[in-house]
N, C-alpha and C. Protein backbone atom coordinates (compact mmCIF):
# COMPACT_ATOMS: atom_id res chain seq x y z
N MET A 1 -38.00 73.55 38.39
CA MET A 1 -36.93 74.19 39.33
C MET A 1 -36.23 72.94 40.18
N ASN A 2 -34.97 72.96 40.43
CA ASN A 2 -34.30 72.03 40.82
C ASN A 2 -34.63 71.58 42.27
N GLU A 3 -35.16 70.51 42.85
CA GLU A 3 -35.88 70.39 44.26
C GLU A 3 -34.66 71.10 45.24
N LYS A 4 -33.26 70.99 45.00
CA LYS A 4 -32.60 71.52 46.25
C LYS A 4 -32.60 73.09 46.35
N ILE A 5 -32.70 73.64 45.00
CA ILE A 5 -33.03 75.17 44.86
C ILE A 5 -34.39 75.69 45.57
N LEU A 6 -35.26 74.78 45.46
CA LEU A 6 -36.36 75.12 45.64
C LEU A 6 -36.46 74.61 47.48
N ASP A 7 -35.64 73.97 47.78
CA ASP A 7 -35.75 73.87 49.34
C ASP A 7 -34.94 74.95 50.07
N LYS A 8 -33.99 75.42 49.37
CA LYS A 8 -32.93 76.46 49.78
C LYS A 8 -33.97 77.51 50.01
N TYR A 9 -34.58 77.96 48.74
CA TYR A 9 -35.35 78.98 48.97
C TYR A 9 -36.69 79.25 49.85
N ILE A 10 -37.31 77.95 50.17
CA ILE A 10 -38.41 77.80 51.11
C ILE A 10 -37.46 78.03 52.58
N ASN A 11 -36.39 77.52 52.88
CA ASN A 11 -35.87 77.50 54.03
C ASN A 11 -35.60 79.00 54.32
N LYS A 12 -35.24 79.87 53.61
CA LYS A 12 -34.93 81.46 53.93
C LYS A 12 -36.16 81.89 53.67
N LEU A 13 -37.62 81.69 53.23
CA LEU A 13 -38.57 82.36 53.26
C LEU A 13 -38.86 82.79 54.77
N THR A 14 -39.43 84.09 55.09
CA THR A 14 -39.67 84.61 55.84
C THR A 14 -41.34 85.20 55.85
N ILE A 15 -41.67 85.63 57.19
CA ILE A 15 -43.10 86.36 57.08
C ILE A 15 -43.07 87.44 56.29
N ASP A 16 -41.80 88.22 56.55
CA ASP A 16 -41.74 89.54 55.84
C ASP A 16 -41.64 89.30 54.57
N HIS A 17 -41.16 88.09 53.86
CA HIS A 17 -41.42 88.27 52.19
C HIS A 17 -42.63 87.92 51.86
N ILE A 18 -43.65 87.14 52.79
CA ILE A 18 -45.09 86.93 52.27
C ILE A 18 -45.55 88.71 52.56
N ARG A 19 -45.47 89.29 53.42
CA ARG A 19 -46.09 90.70 53.85
C ARG A 19 -45.38 91.63 52.59
N GLU A 20 -44.32 91.48 51.99
CA GLU A 20 -43.75 92.50 51.04
C GLU A 20 -44.64 91.84 49.83
N TYR A 21 -44.32 90.76 49.39
CA TYR A 21 -44.93 90.28 48.17
C TYR A 21 -46.51 90.68 48.10
N ALA A 22 -47.30 90.52 49.32
CA ALA A 22 -48.66 90.87 49.30
C ALA A 22 -48.93 92.53 48.79
N ARG A 23 -48.03 93.15 49.58
CA ARG A 23 -48.19 94.66 49.40
C ARG A 23 -47.94 94.83 47.89
N ARG A 24 -46.80 94.10 47.47
CA ARG A 24 -46.47 94.38 45.96
C ARG A 24 -47.75 94.22 45.20
N GLN A 25 -48.39 92.94 45.46
CA GLN A 25 -49.81 92.42 44.50
C GLN A 25 -50.92 93.08 44.90
N ASN A 26 -50.75 94.23 45.77
CA ASN A 26 -52.07 94.90 46.42
C ASN A 26 -52.78 94.11 46.91
N ILE A 27 -52.43 93.14 47.88
CA ILE A 27 -53.25 92.20 48.75
C ILE A 27 -52.91 92.72 50.07
N LEU A 28 -54.15 92.92 50.72
CA LEU A 28 -54.48 93.46 52.11
C LEU A 28 -54.60 92.19 52.98
N LEU A 29 -53.56 91.84 53.80
CA LEU A 29 -53.68 90.92 54.78
C LEU A 29 -53.92 91.41 56.04
N ILE A 30 -55.25 90.66 56.60
CA ILE A 30 -55.65 90.86 57.67
C ILE A 30 -55.50 90.15 58.87
N ASN A 31 -55.80 90.42 59.92
CA ASN A 31 -55.74 89.55 61.12
C ASN A 31 -54.21 88.83 60.92
N ASN A 32 -54.09 87.44 61.22
CA ASN A 32 -53.05 86.89 60.91
C ASN A 32 -52.69 86.03 59.55
N GLU A 33 -53.39 86.72 58.64
CA GLU A 33 -53.38 85.98 57.25
C GLU A 33 -51.81 85.78 57.00
N ASP A 34 -51.02 86.68 57.05
CA ASP A 34 -49.47 86.47 56.81
C ASP A 34 -49.07 85.31 57.40
N GLU A 35 -49.24 85.00 58.75
CA GLU A 35 -48.92 83.73 59.20
C GLU A 35 -49.35 82.43 58.77
N ILE A 36 -50.73 82.54 58.30
CA ILE A 36 -51.53 81.46 57.88
C ILE A 36 -50.75 81.11 56.57
N ILE A 37 -50.43 82.02 55.87
CA ILE A 37 -49.97 81.69 54.34
C ILE A 37 -48.40 81.25 54.57
N TYR A 38 -47.92 81.89 55.39
CA TYR A 38 -46.44 81.53 55.54
C TYR A 38 -46.28 79.96 55.90
N ASN A 39 -47.11 79.55 57.16
CA ASN A 39 -46.88 78.49 57.45
C ASN A 39 -47.45 77.23 56.57
N TYR A 40 -48.62 77.92 55.87
CA TYR A 40 -49.21 76.77 54.74
C TYR A 40 -47.93 76.60 53.65
N ILE A 41 -47.40 77.54 53.16
CA ILE A 41 -46.40 77.13 52.32
C ILE A 41 -45.24 76.37 52.90
N LYS A 42 -44.84 76.88 53.95
CA LYS A 42 -43.77 75.81 54.60
C LYS A 42 -43.93 74.66 54.80
N GLU A 43 -45.31 74.20 55.27
CA GLU A 43 -45.58 73.12 55.24
C GLU A 43 -46.20 72.04 54.09
N ASN A 44 -46.52 72.77 53.02
CA ASN A 44 -46.94 72.28 51.71
C ASN A 44 -46.37 72.55 50.33
N TYR A 45 -45.23 73.23 50.53
CA TYR A 45 -44.56 73.75 49.32
C TYR A 45 -44.44 72.63 48.09
N LYS A 46 -43.78 71.67 48.59
CA LYS A 46 -43.65 70.68 47.83
C LYS A 46 -44.95 70.11 46.92
N LYS A 47 -46.08 70.02 47.69
CA LYS A 47 -47.25 69.51 46.95
C LYS A 47 -47.84 70.73 46.34
N LEU A 48 -47.62 71.80 46.59
CA LEU A 48 -48.27 73.27 45.94
C LEU A 48 -47.15 73.29 44.52
N TYR A 49 -45.95 73.02 44.58
CA TYR A 49 -45.03 72.75 43.23
C TYR A 49 -45.48 71.93 42.48
N TYR A 50 -45.57 70.57 42.96
CA TYR A 50 -45.52 69.48 41.96
C TYR A 50 -46.83 69.10 41.58
N GLU A 51 -47.81 69.12 42.44
CA GLU A 51 -49.17 68.51 42.06
C GLU A 51 -49.97 69.71 41.64
N ASN A 52 -50.97 69.49 40.83
CA ASN A 52 -52.25 70.29 40.17
C ASN A 52 -53.45 70.11 40.87
N ASP A 53 -53.46 70.12 42.13
CA ASP A 53 -54.69 69.93 42.93
C ASP A 53 -55.09 70.97 43.68
N LYS A 54 -56.38 71.69 42.98
CA LYS A 54 -57.03 72.91 43.56
C LYS A 54 -57.40 72.63 45.15
N ASP A 55 -57.56 71.31 45.55
CA ASP A 55 -58.07 71.18 46.82
C ASP A 55 -56.82 71.60 47.83
N LEU A 56 -55.64 71.59 47.44
CA LEU A 56 -54.59 72.26 48.37
C LEU A 56 -54.81 73.51 48.69
N LEU A 57 -55.39 74.48 47.64
CA LEU A 57 -55.87 75.79 48.05
C LEU A 57 -57.09 75.81 48.86
N ASN A 58 -58.00 75.28 48.32
CA ASN A 58 -59.18 74.89 49.36
C ASN A 58 -59.08 74.91 50.73
N LYS A 59 -58.04 74.38 51.14
CA LYS A 59 -57.92 74.21 52.51
C LYS A 59 -57.83 75.67 53.25
N LEU A 60 -57.22 76.53 52.48
CA LEU A 60 -56.92 77.88 52.77
C LEU A 60 -57.98 78.68 52.81
N LYS A 61 -59.37 78.35 52.05
CA LYS A 61 -60.29 79.11 51.91
C LYS A 61 -61.14 79.53 53.19
N CYS A 62 -61.10 78.52 54.19
CA CYS A 62 -61.96 79.03 55.57
C CYS A 62 -60.85 79.62 56.35
N MET A 63 -59.76 79.83 56.20
CA MET A 63 -58.76 80.52 56.91
C MET A 63 -58.40 81.82 56.75
N LEU A 64 -58.64 82.25 55.25
CA LEU A 64 -58.45 83.44 54.88
C LEU A 64 -59.86 84.34 54.54
N SER A 65 -59.50 85.81 54.60
CA SER A 65 -60.78 86.39 54.13
C SER A 65 -60.91 86.25 52.38
N PHE A 66 -62.34 86.37 51.98
CA PHE A 66 -62.81 86.22 50.52
C PHE A 66 -61.58 86.55 49.61
N ASN A 67 -61.42 87.79 49.99
CA ASN A 67 -60.46 88.58 48.96
C ASN A 67 -59.27 88.14 48.96
N THR A 68 -58.64 88.00 49.99
CA THR A 68 -57.19 87.57 49.99
C THR A 68 -57.07 86.29 49.38
N TYR A 69 -58.08 85.24 49.69
CA TYR A 69 -58.08 83.98 49.02
C TYR A 69 -58.15 84.03 47.68
N GLU A 70 -59.08 84.84 47.06
CA GLU A 70 -59.35 84.99 45.41
C GLU A 70 -58.20 85.42 44.85
N LYS A 71 -57.43 86.53 45.45
CA LYS A 71 -56.21 86.94 44.91
C LYS A 71 -55.14 85.75 45.00
N LEU A 72 -54.96 85.10 46.00
CA LEU A 72 -53.90 84.14 46.25
C LEU A 72 -54.25 82.95 45.30
N GLU A 73 -55.49 82.52 45.13
CA GLU A 73 -55.69 81.45 43.96
C GLU A 73 -55.32 82.02 42.95
N LYS A 74 -55.76 83.14 42.26
CA LYS A 74 -55.55 83.80 40.96
C LYS A 74 -53.97 83.67 40.67
N LEU A 75 -53.21 83.97 41.63
CA LEU A 75 -51.54 84.19 41.67
C LEU A 75 -51.02 82.98 41.64
N TYR A 76 -51.59 81.97 42.33
CA TYR A 76 -51.24 80.53 42.49
C TYR A 76 -51.21 79.80 41.03
N LEU A 77 -52.66 80.13 40.54
CA LEU A 77 -52.95 79.38 39.18
C LEU A 77 -52.28 80.14 37.75
N GLU A 78 -51.69 81.21 37.98
CA GLU A 78 -50.90 81.90 36.96
C GLU A 78 -49.63 81.45 37.28
N ALA A 79 -48.88 81.38 38.56
CA ALA A 79 -47.55 80.64 38.79
C ALA A 79 -47.46 79.28 38.12
N LYS A 80 -48.60 78.44 38.25
CA LYS A 80 -48.53 77.04 37.86
C LYS A 80 -48.65 76.92 36.42
N GLU A 81 -49.18 78.03 35.94
CA GLU A 81 -49.42 78.13 34.09
C GLU A 81 -47.60 78.22 33.91
N LYS A 82 -46.99 79.26 34.28
CA LYS A 82 -45.75 79.61 34.01
C LYS A 82 -44.86 78.44 34.00
N ILE A 83 -44.81 77.53 35.00
CA ILE A 83 -43.90 76.39 35.17
C ILE A 83 -44.21 75.09 34.67
N LYS A 84 -45.34 74.95 33.91
CA LYS A 84 -45.70 73.80 33.03
C LYS A 84 -44.76 73.44 32.01
């Protein structure tokens, strides 16, 4: 994906997008997990997109519930496979 397109997409990303995507993926976000995921994406999207480092996601492990983290990790790895 063109970096400018990625930047534009991330700049328009909202917490509501995170909530809606989670709902469609049957992920129940508890406490402030939507904000945690949103902030993490906003701060780390280039690393998440360009690098294949699972440690990037491991930082979220202690901030999210087990179920949310497991589903998020699966979705991330599936997405990374598609963009190879």
